[in-house]
Amino acid sequence: MQEKPPRTHLLSNGNYSVMLTAAGSGYSRWRDLALTRWREDPTCDPFGYYVFLRDAADGRVWSAGYQPVGSEPDSYDAAFFEDRAEFTRRDGPILTSTEILVSPEDDAEVRRVSVTNEGNRTREIELTTYAEMVLAASAADSAHPAFSKLFVLTDFIAESGTLLATRRARDSGEPEVWVALTSALQGEAVGPLQFETDRARFVGRGVELRNAVSIVDARPLSNTVGTVLDPVLALRHRVKIAPGETARIAFWLGAAPSRAEVLALVGKYRHTAAFERVKALARTHAEAQLRALGLEFEEAERFQRLANGVLYADSSLRASRDILEKNRLGQPALWPFGISGDLPIVLVSIDSENDIGIVKQLLRAQEYWQLKQLHVDLVVLNERPPSASEAPGLQEALDAVIGPSRNRQDLPRYGKAFLLRADLMPGPSRDLLLTAARAVLNAGRGALSDQLAPPGETDPAPRRPLRNVDEAKPDAAGSPPTGANTS
């Protein structure tokens, strides 16, 4: 039985984006740059920007999401909204709640972790962030990760408790990128703030991240910065929490093209009041954005579900196995059709004007994804057999629908819409296109909601405004267990 890929959600202000899985993994990106390291790994789901928690008394360790520690919580819930994501877990008497938002007015994200002590004795809890820094194009980092890591420099600003990272330019034309990680604590701190920028010291030799020695063995962070072989950003707070009390820490990660600008973000967001302000702005911004696109919450939720198959390969959306095995062509064979193959492809085949509604819907999805910084090529494949009386009608109707999207100027268009005729395409080229597509849809099979829902399952409406998915505890692979509510 094929395992389901991790469930995903996208947050963005159009310039800064965050992708999250139900287990708490994912990526942070700014413009065309990957800020944190991520790879598509549907089995382990091991890449992300994480927060570790450790009980100083008994040494118990868990994470704010399910990953990366993977310890079994007493309860776990991941809820995705249009404007934010929330992770809640219970581990014995400790309730951990994490809210993640992207600021609509600045290129920054916040992860506020609230730790509630529901026990009968005072607890001291250590909270430690961990994010592997890239600050480069994701493709370049994937191709040469060891080389890419050599150009990242780190620094620490003691006055504000802020870690900085920048990429050393290799030539005069390379744009600058600066990242800052800072925090705002509501609660009683125990001891000084600690920090780390060297992954080898944080994780340890021959050890997986889930068992990092700086966490499991309670080793103090080294408080060193500079040029390291494998850069990370880690901040550690220890807080004392009395019975019935809650401590909150907002971790802010922001990006800018200069040191002065990123420090200005730090000055703006390192105060405890900043979180509630950004939360209110994010909700208003999300509502306004959907109105501008003419989308209802239900349709946006469907676009998020389809994006899931773009980010993580989903066999239920791919071409059939016989087509995948039959294909013998590579990416260059897409070029004669104007398709580079560098971006993920969503393909819809159509043979009737009656089904043109799903093409319009997918064009809206592509526009929505652009705002989330998910760049996708949409291919519309006209499957109507050649006929002097019928073929031009469908082709012209499709061209009229797709044309305005091609000419849109109000948004940066990194993904394109292509209209192709199957009767003019050699069979091997068609097989390649179907193989390359991350999602293959058939307009004759009904609405997008019907094609995304598994057999026997209908596409649910959001449970309340701006909320669009509620998940049960993931399994070790980062996906919900069989029978979990994944609507």
Protein backbone atom coordinates (compact mmCIF):
# COMPACT_ATOMS: atom_id res chain seq x y z
CA MET A 1 0.00 0.00 0.00
CA GLN A 2 1.35 3.39 -1.04
CA GLU A 3 1.97 5.70 1.91
CA LYS A 4 0.42 9.14 1.74
CA PRO A 5 2.90 11.99 1.36
CA PRO A 6 3.19 14.49 4.23
CA ARG A 7 0.31 16.96 4.31
CA THR A 8 1.52 20.48 3.50
CA HIS A 9 0.47 24.10 3.87
CA LEU A 10 1.81 27.33 2.34
CA LEU A 11 2.01 30.75 3.99
CA SER A 12 3.36 33.83 2.23
CA ASN A 13 3.23 37.59 1.91
CA GLY A 14 4.24 37.32 -1.76
CA ASN A 15 7.90 37.88 -0.99
CA TYR A 16 8.63 35.64 2.00
CA SER A 17 7.13 32.16 2.15
CA VAL A 18 6.91 29.26 4.56
CA MET A 19 5.92 25.69 3.73
CA LEU A 20 4.95 23.40 6.60
CA THR A 21 4.09 19.74 6.86
CA ALA A 22 1.69 18.32 9.41
CA ALA A 23 4.69 17.03 11.33
CA GLY A 24 6.29 20.49 11.57
CA SER A 25 8.93 20.17 8.84
CA GLY A 26 9.18 22.39 5.76
CA TYR A 27 11.09 25.39 4.45
CA SER A 28 11.45 29.17 4.65
CA ARG A 29 12.18 31.12 1.45
CA TRP A 30 12.79 34.75 0.58
CA ARG A 31 12.32 35.93 -2.98
CA ASP A 32 14.15 33.30 -5.07
CA LEU A 33 16.41 32.14 -2.25
CA ALA A 34 16.13 29.22 0.13
CA LEU A 35 16.75 30.48 3.65
CA THR A 36 16.56 27.06 5.29
CA ARG A 37 17.52 23.67 3.86
CA TRP A 38 14.79 21.38 2.54
CA ARG A 39 14.61 18.29 0.37
CA GLU A 40 11.58 16.39 -0.84
CA ASP A 41 11.63 13.30 1.38
CA PRO A 42 8.13 11.88 1.86
CA THR A 43 9.38 8.94 3.93
CA CYS A 44 11.36 10.64 6.70
CA ASP A 45 10.32 14.31 6.27
CA PRO A 46 13.53 15.35 8.11
CA PHE A 47 14.14 18.94 6.93
CA GLY A 48 12.84 22.09 8.58
CA TYR A 49 13.14 24.92 11.05
CA TYR A 50 12.50 23.30 14.42
CA VAL A 51 12.11 24.07 18.11
CA PHE A 52 13.35 21.46 20.62
CA LEU A 53 12.03 21.33 24.20
CA ARG A 54 13.71 19.65 27.14
CA ASP A 55 12.57 19.23 30.75
CA ALA A 56 15.61 20.13 32.84
CA ALA A 57 14.47 17.93 35.74
CA ASP A 58 13.96 14.57 34.07
CA GLY A 59 15.77 15.11 30.75
CA ARG A 60 12.68 14.34 28.66
CA VAL A 61 12.98 15.77 25.12
CA TRP A 62 10.33 16.57 22.53
CA SER A 63 9.81 19.07 19.72
CA ALA A 64 7.20 21.74 19.10
CA GLY A 65 5.89 19.67 16.17
CA TYR A 66 6.19 15.94 15.68
CA GLN A 67 9.52 16.28 13.90
CA PRO A 68 12.44 16.09 14.35
CA VAL A 69 12.44 14.24 17.69
CA GLY A 70 9.56 11.94 16.77
CA SER A 71 8.66 11.20 20.40
CA GLU A 72 5.09 10.03 20.85
CA PRO A 73 2.91 12.73 22.45
CA ASP A 74 -0.18 12.02 24.50
CA SER A 75 -2.10 14.09 21.95
CA TYR A 76 -1.20 15.98 18.78
CA ASP A 77 -3.04 18.34 16.45
CA ALA A 78 -1.90 20.37 13.44
CA ALA A 79 -4.38 22.96 12.17
CA PHE A 80 -3.80 24.93 8.97
CA PHE A 81 -5.48 28.29 8.34
CA GLU A 82 -5.15 30.65 5.41
CA ASP A 83 -3.25 33.11 7.60
CA ARG A 84 -1.34 30.81 9.96
CA ALA A 85 -0.57 27.30 11.16
CA GLU A 86 -1.00 25.92 14.68
CA PHE A 87 0.58 22.86 16.28
CA THR A 88 -0.60 21.62 19.67
CA ARG A 89 0.74 18.66 21.58
CA ARG A 90 0.50 17.31 25.12
CA ASP A 91 3.39 15.49 26.78
CA GLY A 92 2.45 14.48 30.30
CA PRO A 93 1.65 17.66 32.25
CA ILE A 94 3.18 19.96 29.60
CA LEU A 95 1.02 21.47 26.86
CA THR A 96 3.00 22.93 23.93
CA SER A 97 1.26 25.19 21.43
CA THR A 98 2.99 26.76 18.42
CA GLU A 99 1.59 29.43 16.11
CA ILE A 100 3.39 30.20 12.85
CA LEU A 101 2.72 33.30 10.75
CA VAL A 102 4.35 35.33 7.99
CA SER A 103 4.27 39.08 8.50
CA PRO A 104 2.23 40.77 5.74
CA GLU A 105 4.22 44.01 6.02
CA ASP A 106 7.83 42.76 6.33
CA ASP A 107 9.88 39.81 5.11
CA ALA A 108 9.76 37.91 8.37
CA GLU A 109 8.08 34.94 10.02
CA VAL A 110 7.29 34.24 13.64
CA ARG A 111 6.94 30.99 15.54
CA ARG A 112 5.47 31.61 18.96
CA VAL A 113 5.80 28.65 21.29
CA SER A 114 3.56 28.64 24.37
CA VAL A 115 4.41 26.13 27.11
CA THR A 116 1.80 25.52 29.80
CA ASN A 117 2.58 23.63 32.99
CA GLU A 118 -0.52 21.67 33.98
CA GLY A 119 1.32 19.71 36.66
CA ASN A 120 1.59 20.36 40.39
CA ARG A 121 5.25 21.37 40.59
CA THR A 122 7.38 24.07 39.02
CA ARG A 123 9.17 23.08 35.81
CA GLU A 124 12.24 24.41 34.04
CA ILE A 125 12.01 23.93 30.28
CA GLU A 126 14.71 24.60 27.70
CA LEU A 127 13.58 25.76 24.26
CA THR A 128 16.16 25.57 21.46
CA THR A 129 15.70 26.52 17.82
CA TYR A 130 17.45 24.77 14.94
CA ALA A 131 17.56 25.86 11.30
CA GLU A 132 20.16 24.96 8.68
CA MET A 133 21.10 28.09 6.74
CA VAL A 134 21.30 28.10 2.93
CA LEU A 135 20.83 31.71 1.70
CA ALA A 136 21.11 30.58 -1.92
CA ALA A 137 19.00 29.13 -4.69
CA SER A 138 17.59 25.79 -3.64
CA ALA A 139 18.79 24.10 -6.84
CA ALA A 140 22.36 25.29 -6.29
CA ASP A 141 22.32 24.04 -2.71
CA SER A 142 20.97 20.65 -3.79
CA ALA A 143 23.58 20.29 -6.51
CA HIS A 144 26.61 21.24 -4.38
CA PRO A 145 25.61 21.40 -0.70
CA ALA A 146 29.12 21.16 0.76
CA PHE A 147 30.39 23.94 -1.50
CA SER A 148 27.31 26.10 -0.82
CA LYS A 149 27.87 25.93 2.94
CA LEU A 150 31.35 27.46 2.69
CA PHE A 151 30.10 30.97 1.97
CA VAL A 152 27.79 31.57 4.96
CA LEU A 153 29.07 33.78 7.79
CA THR A 154 27.38 34.19 11.19
CA ASP A 155 27.43 36.84 13.90
CA PHE A 156 25.74 37.55 17.24
CA ILE A 157 24.40 40.89 18.52
CA ALA A 158 24.52 40.63 22.31
CA GLU A 159 22.43 43.76 22.98
CA SER A 160 19.37 42.28 21.26
CA GLY A 161 20.15 38.55 21.59
CA THR A 162 20.14 38.21 17.80
CA LEU A 163 21.92 35.78 15.51
CA LEU A 164 22.83 36.99 12.03
CA ALA A 165 23.78 35.06 8.91
CA THR A 166 24.90 36.34 5.53
CA ARG A 167 26.29 34.84 2.36
CA ARG A 168 29.69 36.05 1.31
CA ALA A 169 29.44 37.29 -2.28
CA ARG A 170 31.50 35.36 -4.82
CA ASP A 171 31.43 38.24 -7.33
CA SER A 172 30.51 41.92 -7.32
CA GLY A 173 27.20 41.34 -9.06
CA GLU A 174 25.80 38.87 -6.51
CA PRO A 175 23.07 40.48 -4.38
CA GLU A 176 23.45 40.57 -0.61
CA VAL A 177 21.22 38.56 1.69
CA TRP A 178 21.07 38.89 5.46
CA VAL A 179 19.03 36.81 7.89
CA ALA A 180 18.34 37.52 11.56
CA LEU A 181 16.97 35.22 14.25
CA THR A 182 15.78 36.93 17.42
CA SER A 183 13.26 36.20 20.18
CA ALA A 184 10.84 37.78 22.62
CA LEU A 185 10.18 36.04 25.94
CA GLN A 186 7.09 36.31 28.12
CA GLY A 187 8.01 34.42 31.26
CA GLU A 188 10.73 33.92 33.84
CA ALA A 189 14.14 33.31 32.28
CA VAL A 190 16.68 31.05 34.00
CA GLY A 191 20.29 31.73 33.07
CA PRO A 192 21.62 33.57 30.04
CA LEU A 193 20.57 33.16 26.42
CA GLN A 194 22.75 30.60 24.59
CA PHE A 195 23.45 30.30 20.87
CA GLU A 196 25.14 28.07 18.30
CA THR A 197 25.99 28.40 14.59
CA ASP A 198 27.97 25.19 13.97
CA ARG A 199 25.90 22.15 13.08
CA ALA A 200 28.71 19.72 13.97
CA ARG A 201 28.81 21.03 17.53
CA PHE A 202 25.03 21.11 17.81
CA VAL A 203 24.29 17.62 16.48
CA GLY A 204 27.52 15.72 17.20
CA ARG A 205 29.55 13.27 15.16
CA GLY A 206 27.63 10.36 13.61
CA VAL A 207 24.38 11.38 15.32
CA GLU A 208 21.00 12.14 13.78
CA LEU A 209 19.32 15.45 14.48
CA ARG A 210 16.60 13.80 16.56
CA ASN A 211 19.33 12.69 18.99
CA ALA A 212 21.46 15.85 18.83
CA VAL A 213 24.01 15.82 21.64
CA SER A 214 23.37 19.45 22.54
CA ILE A 215 19.76 18.49 23.32
CA VAL A 216 19.79 14.89 24.55
CA ASP A 217 22.99 15.29 26.58
CA ALA A 218 22.04 18.80 27.71
CA ARG A 219 25.34 20.21 26.50
CA PRO A 220 25.62 24.00 26.69
CA LEU A 221 25.69 25.71 23.32
CA SER A 222 29.14 26.98 22.37
CA ASN A 223 28.19 30.66 21.87
CA THR A 224 30.52 30.91 18.86
CA VAL A 225 30.03 32.57 15.48
CA GLY A 226 32.02 33.28 12.34
CA THR A 227 32.86 31.01 9.40
CA VAL A 228 31.71 27.45 9.97
CA LEU A 229 31.64 24.43 7.69
CA ASP A 230 27.94 23.72 8.21
CA PRO A 231 26.01 26.79 9.41
CA VAL A 232 22.88 26.69 11.57
CA LEU A 233 21.03 29.22 13.69
CA ALA A 234 20.22 28.01 17.20
CA LEU A 235 18.98 30.09 20.15
CA ARG A 236 18.30 28.58 23.58
CA HIS A 237 16.13 29.93 26.39
CA ARG A 238 15.51 28.22 29.71
CA VAL A 239 12.28 29.25 31.42
CA LYS A 240 10.77 28.54 34.83
CA ILE A 241 7.05 27.75 34.75
CA ALA A 242 4.97 27.49 37.91
CA PRO A 243 1.96 25.13 38.09
CA GLY A 244 -0.91 26.48 36.01
CA GLU A 245 1.29 29.11 34.33
CA THR A 246 2.31 29.60 30.69
CA ALA A 247 5.59 30.87 29.24
CA ARG A 248 5.68 32.17 25.67
CA ILE A 249 8.63 32.73 23.35
CA ALA A 250 8.22 34.29 19.91
CA PHE A 251 11.10 33.37 17.59
CA TRP A 252 11.38 35.81 14.69
CA LEU A 253 13.27 34.99 11.49
CA GLY A 254 13.62 37.79 8.95
CA ALA A 255 15.51 38.50 5.72
CA ALA A 256 16.73 41.70 4.06
CA PRO A 257 19.30 42.83 1.45
CA SER A 258 21.54 44.58 3.99
CA ARG A 259 22.71 44.30 7.58
CA ALA A 260 21.13 47.63 8.49
CA GLU A 261 17.74 46.60 7.11
CA VAL A 262 17.68 43.23 8.83
CA LEU A 263 18.63 44.87 12.14
CA ALA A 264 15.74 47.28 11.63
CA LEU A 265 13.45 44.23 11.49
CA VAL A 266 14.97 43.01 14.75
CA GLY A 267 14.26 46.34 16.40
CA LYS A 268 10.66 46.17 15.24
CA TYR A 269 9.85 42.59 16.22
CA ARG A 270 11.87 41.70 19.31
CA HIS A 271 9.12 42.99 21.61
CA THR A 272 6.37 40.83 23.07
CA ALA A 273 3.55 43.01 21.70
CA ALA A 274 4.67 42.49 18.11
CA PHE A 275 3.18 39.01 17.79
CA GLU A 276 -0.46 39.95 18.43
CA ARG A 277 -0.17 42.88 16.05
CA VAL A 278 1.19 40.71 13.24
CA LYS A 279 -1.42 38.04 13.93
CA ALA A 280 -4.23 40.56 13.45
CA LEU A 281 -2.59 41.95 10.31
CA ALA A 282 -2.06 38.48 8.86
CA ARG A 283 -5.73 37.60 9.19
CA THR A 284 -6.85 40.84 7.56
CA HIS A 285 -4.30 40.41 4.79
CA ALA A 286 -5.40 36.83 4.08
CA GLU A 287 -9.04 37.86 3.80
CA ALA A 288 -8.19 40.78 1.50
CA GLN A 289 -5.98 38.57 -0.67
CA LEU A 290 -8.71 36.01 -1.22
CA ARG A 291 -11.20 38.76 -2.06
CA ALA A 292 -8.77 40.22 -4.61
CA LEU A 293 -8.44 36.80 -6.27
CA GLY A 294 -12.19 36.19 -6.12
CA LEU A 295 -11.70 33.03 -4.06
CA GLU A 296 -13.75 31.47 -1.32
CA PHE A 297 -12.05 29.71 1.57
CA GLU A 298 -13.15 26.33 0.27
CA GLU A 299 -11.49 26.88 -3.11
CA ALA A 300 -8.25 28.12 -1.52
CA GLU A 301 -8.24 24.96 0.60
CA ARG A 302 -8.49 22.84 -2.56
CA PHE A 303 -5.60 24.72 -4.12
CA GLN A 304 -3.54 23.98 -1.01
CA ARG A 305 -4.40 20.30 -1.31
CA LEU A 306 -3.34 20.23 -4.96
CA ALA A 307 -0.12 22.06 -4.06
CA ASN A 308 0.56 19.14 -1.72
CA GLY A 309 1.03 16.92 -4.78
CA VAL A 310 3.34 19.50 -6.36
CA LEU A 311 5.63 19.61 -3.31
CA TYR A 312 5.61 15.87 -2.52
CA ALA A 313 5.06 13.26 -5.21
CA ASP A 314 1.63 11.67 -4.77
CA SER A 315 0.99 8.50 -6.74
CA SER A 316 -2.77 9.18 -6.67
CA LEU A 317 -2.19 12.31 -8.78
CA ARG A 318 0.58 11.05 -11.07
CA ALA A 319 0.21 9.29 -14.40
CA SER A 320 -0.41 5.56 -14.40
CA ARG A 321 2.49 3.20 -13.79
CA ASP A 322 2.47 1.85 -17.36
CA ILE A 323 3.02 5.36 -18.75
CA LEU A 324 5.79 6.05 -16.24
CA GLU A 325 7.53 2.79 -17.22
CA LYS A 326 7.00 3.35 -20.94
CA ASN A 327 8.58 6.82 -21.08
CA ARG A 328 12.10 6.90 -22.49
CA LEU A 329 12.59 10.64 -23.05
CA GLY A 330 14.20 13.25 -20.83
CA GLN A 331 13.69 16.91 -20.01
CA PRO A 332 15.15 18.29 -23.30
CA ALA A 333 12.28 16.67 -25.20
CA LEU A 334 9.93 19.17 -23.53
CA TRP A 335 11.74 22.15 -25.01
CA PRO A 336 10.14 22.03 -28.51
CA PHE A 337 6.81 22.74 -26.77
CA GLY A 338 8.21 25.80 -24.97
CA ILE A 339 8.28 23.97 -21.62
CA SER A 340 11.59 24.13 -19.77
CA GLY A 341 10.86 21.34 -17.30
CA ASP A 342 12.58 23.35 -14.56
CA LEU A 343 9.29 24.03 -12.76
CA PRO A 344 6.74 21.50 -11.50
CA ILE A 345 4.01 20.76 -14.04
CA VAL A 346 0.28 20.41 -13.44
CA LEU A 347 -1.49 18.94 -16.46
CA VAL A 348 -5.18 18.81 -17.31
CA SER A 349 -6.53 17.01 -20.37
CA ILE A 350 -9.83 18.11 -21.90
CA ASP A 351 -11.96 17.13 -24.88
CA SER A 352 -15.22 19.05 -24.38
CA GLU A 353 -16.21 22.73 -24.01
CA ASN A 354 -18.58 21.60 -21.25
CA ASP A 355 -15.62 20.87 -18.99
CA ILE A 356 -13.76 24.15 -19.47
CA GLY A 357 -14.64 25.25 -15.92
CA ILE A 358 -11.80 23.23 -14.40
CA VAL A 359 -9.31 24.97 -16.68
CA LYS A 360 -10.50 28.32 -15.35
CA GLN A 361 -10.19 26.95 -11.83
CA LEU A 362 -6.62 25.79 -12.39
CA LEU A 363 -5.67 29.19 -13.78
CA ARG A 364 -6.96 30.70 -10.52
CA ALA A 365 -4.95 28.06 -8.64
CA GLN A 366 -1.80 29.07 -10.52
CA GLU A 367 -2.39 32.71 -9.58
CA TYR A 368 -2.96 31.72 -5.94
CA TRP A 369 0.24 29.65 -5.92
CA GLN A 370 2.21 32.56 -7.33
CA LEU A 371 1.21 34.58 -4.27
CA LYS A 372 2.49 31.70 -2.12
CA GLN A 373 5.75 31.67 -4.13
CA LEU A 374 5.03 28.22 -5.51
CA HIS A 375 5.87 28.48 -9.20
CA VAL A 376 4.12 25.94 -11.40
CA ASP A 377 3.71 25.47 -15.16
CA LEU A 378 0.11 24.65 -16.11
CA VAL A 379 -0.32 22.54 -19.25
CA VAL A 380 -3.76 22.24 -20.87
CA LEU A 381 -3.84 19.32 -23.28
CA ASN A 382 -6.60 19.43 -25.89
CA GLU A 383 -7.50 15.76 -26.40
CA ARG A 384 -10.34 16.26 -28.88
CA PRO A 385 -9.72 14.15 -32.01
CA PRO A 386 -9.04 16.17 -35.17
CA SER A 387 -12.22 17.14 -37.01
CA ALA A 388 -12.79 19.99 -39.42
CA SER A 389 -16.05 20.95 -37.72
CA GLU A 390 -15.19 20.46 -34.06
CA ALA A 391 -11.49 20.76 -33.30
CA PRO A 392 -11.07 24.52 -33.80
CA GLY A 393 -14.03 25.27 -31.51
CA LEU A 394 -12.51 23.81 -28.36
CA GLN A 395 -9.04 25.10 -29.18
CA GLU A 396 -10.33 28.64 -29.66
CA ALA A 397 -12.41 28.47 -26.48
CA LEU A 398 -9.38 27.32 -24.49
CA ASP A 399 -7.17 29.98 -26.05
CA ALA A 400 -9.69 32.65 -25.04
CA VAL A 401 -9.61 31.40 -21.44
CA ILE A 402 -5.83 31.07 -21.19
CA GLY A 403 -4.95 34.23 -23.14
CA PRO A 404 -5.64 36.76 -20.35
CA SER A 405 -3.45 34.74 -17.97
CA ARG A 406 -0.55 34.92 -20.41
CA ASN A 407 -0.87 38.68 -20.61
CA ARG A 408 -1.27 39.36 -16.90
CA GLN A 409 1.10 42.10 -15.76
CA ASP A 410 0.11 42.79 -12.15
CA LEU A 411 1.96 39.79 -10.73
CA PRO A 412 5.42 38.36 -11.39
CA ARG A 413 4.83 35.28 -13.53
CA TYR A 414 7.39 32.59 -12.88
CA GLY A 415 5.05 29.84 -14.04
CA LYS A 416 3.33 29.82 -17.43
CA ALA A 417 0.16 28.37 -18.95
CA PHE A 418 0.58 26.23 -22.06
CA LEU A 419 -2.11 25.07 -24.49
CA LEU A 420 -1.14 21.99 -26.52
CA ARG A 421 -3.01 19.78 -28.97
CA ALA A 422 -2.61 16.08 -28.39
CA ASP A 423 -3.16 15.26 -32.10
CA LEU A 424 -0.07 17.30 -33.00
CA MET A 425 2.10 15.65 -30.37
CA PRO A 426 4.06 12.41 -30.99
CA GLY A 427 3.14 9.58 -28.66
CA PRO A 428 6.53 9.47 -26.87
CA SER A 429 6.34 13.22 -26.23
CA ARG A 430 2.89 12.84 -24.73
CA ASP A 431 4.16 10.06 -22.47
CA LEU A 432 7.02 12.30 -21.36
CA LEU A 433 4.66 15.16 -20.56
CA LEU A 434 2.42 12.88 -18.50
CA THR A 435 5.47 11.44 -16.73
CA ALA A 436 6.90 14.86 -15.93
CA ALA A 437 3.64 16.21 -14.50
CA ARG A 438 3.37 16.20 -10.71
CA ALA A 439 -0.42 16.15 -11.05
CA VAL A 440 -2.45 14.79 -13.97
CA LEU A 441 -6.10 15.78 -14.05
CA ASN A 442 -8.88 14.93 -16.51
CA ALA A 443 -11.53 17.59 -17.07
CA GLY A 444 -14.09 14.91 -17.85
CA ARG A 445 -13.81 13.44 -14.35
CA GLY A 446 -15.54 16.34 -12.68
CA ALA A 447 -14.61 19.29 -10.52
CA LEU A 448 -11.27 19.68 -8.81
CA SER A 449 -12.85 18.78 -5.48
CA ASP A 450 -13.97 15.43 -6.91
CA GLN A 451 -10.55 14.59 -8.31
CA LEU A 452 -8.66 15.48 -5.15
CA ALA A 453 -10.89 13.52 -2.77
CA PRO A 454 -10.04 9.82 -2.34
CA PRO A 455 -12.75 7.36 -3.45
CA GLY A 456 -15.71 7.52 -1.10
CA GLU A 457 -14.52 10.76 0.52
CA THR A 458 -16.01 14.16 -0.24
CA ASP A 459 -14.08 17.41 -0.17
CA PRO A 460 -15.01 19.10 3.12
CA ALA A 461 -15.63 22.79 3.70
CA PRO A 462 -13.40 24.68 6.14
CA ARG A 463 -14.36 24.16 9.76
CA ARG A 464 -14.36 27.90 10.36
CA PRO A 465 -13.21 31.02 8.45
CA LEU A 466 -9.56 30.89 7.43
CA ARG A 467 -9.17 27.36 8.74
CA ASN A 468 -8.62 24.72 6.14
CA VAL A 469 -7.19 21.52 7.54
CA ASP A 470 -7.17 19.69 10.83
CA GLU A 471 -4.85 16.73 11.27
CA ALA A 472 -4.37 13.99 13.79
CA LYS A 473 -1.02 12.78 15.14
CA PRO A 474 1.43 11.97 12.30
CA ASP A 475 3.25 8.69 12.10
CA ALA A 476 7.03 8.45 12.04
CA ALA A 477 7.13 9.32 8.35
CA GLY A 478 5.40 12.63 9.01
CA SER A 479 2.02 11.52 7.60
CA PRO A 480 -1.20 10.98 9.56
CA PRO A 481 -1.92 7.37 10.50
CA THR A 482 -4.50 5.42 8.58
CA GLY A 483 -7.99 6.50 9.54
CA ALA A 484 -6.90 9.94 10.81
CA ASN A 485 -8.98 12.98 9.99
CA THR A 486 -7.09 14.67 7.15
CA SER A 487 -9.89 16.78 5.80
